[in-house]
C-alpha atoms as a PDB file:
ATOM      1  CA  UNK A   1       9.249   6.490  10.981  1.00  0.00           C
ATOM      2  CA  UNK A   2       8.380   3.389   8.993  1.00  0.00           C
ATOM      3  CA  UNK A   3       4.822   3.036   7.787  1.00  0.00           C
ATOM      4  CA  UNK A   4       2.733   0.208   6.444  1.00  0.00           C
ATOM      5  CA  UNK A   5       1.845   0.659   2.779  1.00  0.00           C
ATOM      6  CA  UNK A   6      -1.940   1.101   2.830  1.00  0.00           C
ATOM      7  CA  UNK A   7      -2.299   0.362  -0.894  1.00  0.00           C
ATOM      8  CA  UNK A   8      -0.420  -2.902  -0.444  1.00  0.00           C
ATOM      9  CA  UNK A   9      -2.604  -3.841   2.526  1.00  0.00           C
ATOM     10  CA  UNK A  10      -5.722  -3.200   0.459  1.00  0.00           C
ATOM     11  CA  UNK A  11      -4.365  -5.157  -2.519  1.00  0.00           C
ATOM     12  CA  UNK A  12      -3.500  -8.194  -0.397  1.00  0.00           C
ATOM     13  CA  UNK A  13      -6.704  -8.019   1.614  1.00  0.00           C
ATOM     14  CA  UNK A  14      -8.736  -8.111  -1.591  1.00  0.00           C
ATOM     15  CA  UNK A  15      -6.435 -10.785  -3.031  1.00  0.00           C
ATOM     16  CA  UNK A  16      -7.204 -13.190  -0.175  1.00  0.00           C
ATOM     17  CA  UNK A  17     -10.797 -12.066   0.424  1.00  0.00           C
ATOM     18  CA  UNK A  18     -11.777 -12.821  -3.170  1.00  0.00           C
ATOM     19  CA  UNK A  19     -11.197 -16.552  -2.695  1.00  0.00           C
ATOM     20  CA  UNK A  20     -14.540 -18.246  -2.105  1.00  0.00           C
ATOM     21  CA  UNK A  21     -16.525 -15.073  -2.674  1.00  0.00           C
ATOM     22  CA  UNK A  22     -19.846 -15.583  -4.445  1.00  0.00           C
ATOM     23  CA  UNK A  23     -21.940 -13.247  -6.600  1.00  0.00           C
ATOM     24  CA  UNK A  24     -23.726 -11.850  -3.528  1.00  0.00           C
ATOM     25  CA  UNK A  25     -20.383 -10.853  -1.965  1.00  0.00           C
ATOM     26  CA  UNK A  26     -20.512 -13.500   0.760  1.00  0.00           C
ATOM     27  CA  UNK A  27     -17.423 -15.621   1.413  1.00  0.00           C
ATOM     28  CA  UNK A  28     -17.664 -19.395   1.689  1.00  0.00           C
ATOM     29  CA  UNK A  29     -14.270 -20.833   2.628  1.00  0.00           C
ATOM     30  CA  UNK A  30     -15.481 -23.638   4.838  1.00  0.00           C
ATOM     31  CA  UNK A  31     -13.102 -26.311   6.067  1.00  0.00           C
ATOM     32  CA  UNK A  32     -12.536 -29.052   3.488  1.00  0.00           C
ATOM     33  CA  UNK A  33     -13.718 -27.027   0.500  1.00  0.00           C
ATOM     34  CA  UNK A  34     -11.738 -26.355  -2.671  1.00  0.00           C
ATOM     35  CA  UNK A  35     -11.732 -22.690  -1.634  1.00  0.00           C
ATOM     36  CA  UNK A  36      -9.883 -23.427   1.597  1.00  0.00           C
ATOM     37  CA  UNK A  37      -7.210 -25.281  -0.381  1.00  0.00           C
ATOM     38  CA  UNK A  38      -6.877 -22.293  -2.733  1.00  0.00           C
ATOM     39  CA  UNK A  39      -6.724 -19.920   0.252  1.00  0.00           C
ATOM     40  CA  UNK A  40      -4.008 -22.066   1.871  1.00  0.00           C
ATOM     41  CA  UNK A  41      -1.863 -22.008  -1.293  1.00  0.00           C
ATOM     42  CA  UNK A  42      -2.301 -18.260  -1.755  1.00  0.00           C
ATOM     43  CA  UNK A  43      -1.515 -17.598   1.923  1.00  0.00           C
ATOM     44  CA  UNK A  44       1.731 -19.567   1.604  1.00  0.00           C
ATOM     45  CA  UNK A  45       2.746 -17.452  -1.424  1.00  0.00           C
ATOM     46  CA  UNK A  46       1.777 -14.259   0.399  1.00  0.00           C
ATOM     47  CA  UNK A  47       3.648 -15.131   3.604  1.00  0.00           C
ATOM     48  CA  UNK A  48       6.765 -15.969   1.584  1.00  0.00           C
ATOM     49  CA  UNK A  49       6.489 -12.626  -0.262  1.00  0.00           C
ATOM     50  CA  UNK A  50       6.479 -10.948   3.166  1.00  0.00           C
ATOM     51  CA  UNK A  51       9.754 -12.626   4.167  1.00  0.00           C
ATOM     52  CA  UNK A  52       8.480 -15.647   6.082  1.00  0.00           C
ATOM     53  CA  UNK A  53       9.189 -19.316   5.721  1.00  0.00           C
ATOM     54  CA  UNK A  54       6.116 -21.505   5.899  1.00  0.00           C
ATOM     55  CA  UNK A  55       4.908 -24.940   6.839  1.00  0.00           C
ATOM     56  CA  UNK A  56       1.547 -26.666   6.811  1.00  0.00           C
ATOM     57  CA  UNK A  57       0.553 -28.977   9.660  1.00  0.00           C
ATOM     58  CA  UNK A  58      -1.526 -32.155   9.475  1.00  0.00           C
ATOM     59  CA  UNK A  59      -4.776 -30.200   9.922  1.00  0.00           C
ATOM     60  CA  UNK A  60      -3.932 -27.900   7.010  1.00  0.00           C
ATOM     61  CA  UNK A  61      -3.026 -24.856   9.093  1.00  0.00           C
ATOM     62  CA  UNK A  62      -0.429 -22.580   7.520  1.00  0.00           C
ATOM     63  CA  UNK A  63       2.380 -21.468   9.803  1.00  0.00           C
ATOM     64  CA  UNK A  64       4.496 -18.473   8.825  1.00  0.00           C
ATOM     65  CA  UNK A  65       7.872 -18.009  10.524  1.00  0.00           C
ATOM     66  CA  UNK A  66       9.976 -14.884  10.629  1.00  0.00           C
ATOM     67  CA  UNK A  67      13.299 -15.245  12.410  1.00  0.00           C
ATOM     68  CA  UNK A  68      15.351 -12.113  11.830  1.00  0.00           C
ATOM     69  CA  UNK A  69      18.008 -13.127  14.354  1.00  0.00           C
ATOM     70  CA  UNK A  70      18.655 -16.551  12.798  1.00  0.00           C
ATOM     71  CA  UNK A  71      17.110 -20.033  12.774  1.00  0.00           C
ATOM     72  CA  UNK A  72      17.629 -20.705  16.493  1.00  0.00           C
ATOM     73  CA  UNK A  73      16.287 -17.339  17.683  1.00  0.00           C
ATOM     74  CA  UNK A  74      12.818 -16.702  19.033  1.00  0.00           C
ATOM     75  CA  UNK A  75      10.225 -16.349  16.345  1.00  0.00           C
ATOM     76  CA  UNK A  76       7.419 -13.948  15.714  1.00  0.00           C
ATOM     77  CA  UNK A  77       4.180 -15.859  16.160  1.00  0.00           C
ATOM     78  CA  UNK A  78       1.187 -14.696  14.142  1.00  0.00           C
ATOM     79  CA  UNK A  79      -2.209 -16.246  13.803  1.00  0.00           C
ATOM     80  CA  UNK A  80      -5.616 -16.038  12.281  1.00  0.00           C
ATOM     81  CA  UNK A  81      -7.703 -18.486  10.309  1.00  0.00           C
ATOM     82  CA  UNK A  82      -8.105 -19.244   6.631  1.00  0.00           C
ATOM     83  CA  UNK A  83     -11.653 -20.487   6.750  1.00  0.00           C
ATOM     84  CA  UNK A  84     -14.841 -18.475   7.045  1.00  0.00           C
ATOM     85  CA  UNK A  85     -18.259 -19.133   8.395  1.00  0.00           C
ATOM     86  CA  UNK A  86     -20.772 -20.045   5.715  1.00  0.00           C
ATOM     87  CA  UNK A  87     -21.769 -16.862   3.867  1.00  0.00           C
ATOM     88  CA  UNK A  88     -19.258 -14.903   5.948  1.00  0.00           C
ATOM     89  CA  UNK A  89     -17.853 -11.469   5.419  1.00  0.00           C
ATOM     90  CA  UNK A  90     -14.758 -10.706   3.377  1.00  0.00           C
ATOM     91  CA  UNK A  91     -12.739  -9.832   6.485  1.00  0.00           C
ATOM     92  CA  UNK A  92     -13.440 -13.136   8.272  1.00  0.00           C
ATOM     93  CA  UNK A  93      -9.932 -14.445   8.966  1.00  0.00           C
ATOM     94  CA  UNK A  94      -8.442 -12.455   6.100  1.00  0.00           C
ATOM     95  CA  UNK A  95      -7.990  -9.228   8.069  1.00  0.00           C
ATOM     96  CA  UNK A  96      -5.932 -11.004  10.726  1.00  0.00           C
ATOM     97  CA  UNK A  97      -3.717 -12.695   8.144  1.00  0.00           C
ATOM     98  CA  UNK A  98      -3.028  -9.481   6.260  1.00  0.00           C
ATOM     99  CA  UNK A  99      -2.433  -7.369   9.379  1.00  0.00           C
ATOM    100  CA  UNK A 100       0.077  -9.880  10.699  1.00  0.00           C
ATOM    101  CA  UNK A 101       1.841 -10.454   7.370  1.00  0.00           C
ATOM    102  CA  UNK A 102       2.198  -6.740   6.616  1.00  0.00           C
ATOM    103  CA  UNK A 103       3.716  -6.150  10.059  1.00  0.00           C
ATOM    104  CA  UNK A 104       6.272  -8.856   9.290  1.00  0.00           C
ATOM    105  CA  UNK A 105       6.947  -7.287   5.879  1.00  0.00           C
ATOM    106  CA  UNK A 106       7.554  -3.919   7.560  1.00  0.00           C
ATOM    107  CA  UNK A 107       9.957  -5.504  10.042  1.00  0.00           C
ATOM    108  CA  UNK A 108      11.755  -7.493   7.340  1.00  0.00           C
ATOM    109  CA  UNK A 109      12.259  -4.423   5.167  1.00  0.00           C
ATOM    110  CA  UNK A 110      13.326  -2.030   7.932  1.00  0.00           C
ATOM    111  CA  UNK A 111      14.656  -3.749  11.033  1.00  0.00           C
ATOM    112  CA  UNK A 112      17.609  -6.094  10.781  1.00  0.00           C
ATOM    113  CA  UNK A 113      18.213  -6.759  14.483  1.00  0.00           C
ATOM    114  CA  UNK A 114      15.138  -7.941  16.293  1.00  0.00           C
ATOM    115  CA  UNK A 115      15.079 -10.347  19.172  1.00  0.00           C
ATOM    116  CA  UNK A 116      12.268 -11.477  21.406  1.00  0.00           C
ATOM    117  CA  UNK A 117       8.861 -12.894  20.732  1.00  0.00           C
ATOM    118  CA  UNK A 118       5.871 -11.077  19.342  1.00  0.00           C
ATOM    119  CA  UNK A 119       2.480 -12.776  19.284  1.00  0.00           C
ATOM    120  CA  UNK A 120      -0.651 -11.596  17.544  1.00  0.00           C
ATOM    121  CA  UNK A 121      -3.619 -13.872  17.125  1.00  0.00           C
ATOM    122  CA  UNK A 122      -7.308 -13.374  16.618  1.00  0.00           C
ATOM    123  CA  UNK A 123      -8.222 -15.931  19.272  1.00  0.00           C
ATOM    124  CA  UNK A 124      -5.349 -15.348  21.709  1.00  0.00           C
ATOM    125  CA  UNK A 125      -6.365 -18.091  24.149  1.00  0.00           C
ATOM    126  CA  UNK A 126      -5.137 -20.658  21.605  1.00  0.00           C
ATOM    127  CA  UNK A 127      -1.551 -19.385  21.878  1.00  0.00           C
ATOM    128  CA  UNK A 128      -1.594 -18.030  25.431  1.00  0.00           C
ATOM    129  CA  UNK A 129       0.781 -20.716  26.719  1.00  0.00           C
ATOM    130  CA  UNK A 130       3.356 -19.722  24.084  1.00  0.00           C
ATOM    131  CA  UNK A 131       3.559 -16.051  25.108  1.00  0.00           C
ATOM    132  CA  UNK A 132       6.402 -15.238  27.482  1.00  0.00           C
END
């Protein structure tokens, strides 16, 4: 059985959660801030490390794509958010990103033939129309 590397999850969770964190421990990655730009750049690097290709849309959302069956195959759709509420917790958005990315890493490292669509998203109503 393949298992997610808990130490790697922790490392990457802390890696992303540290961006915008102040001396009190609160996270301030509000939309439009320098911290959200830093988080976006780090998320792109992280997604690519996990085996995904990435794009950024006009609103600054990072999209990670994993297509193990080729460029025309169904993709695995993952979602969370990069921003946080003002003085938010370290897991705000970050936990969803890391959970999704580490699942893709596990698939990329262990399963070469995968078809179909998988969707995970913190606010599933956003992507509901895309789920088959």
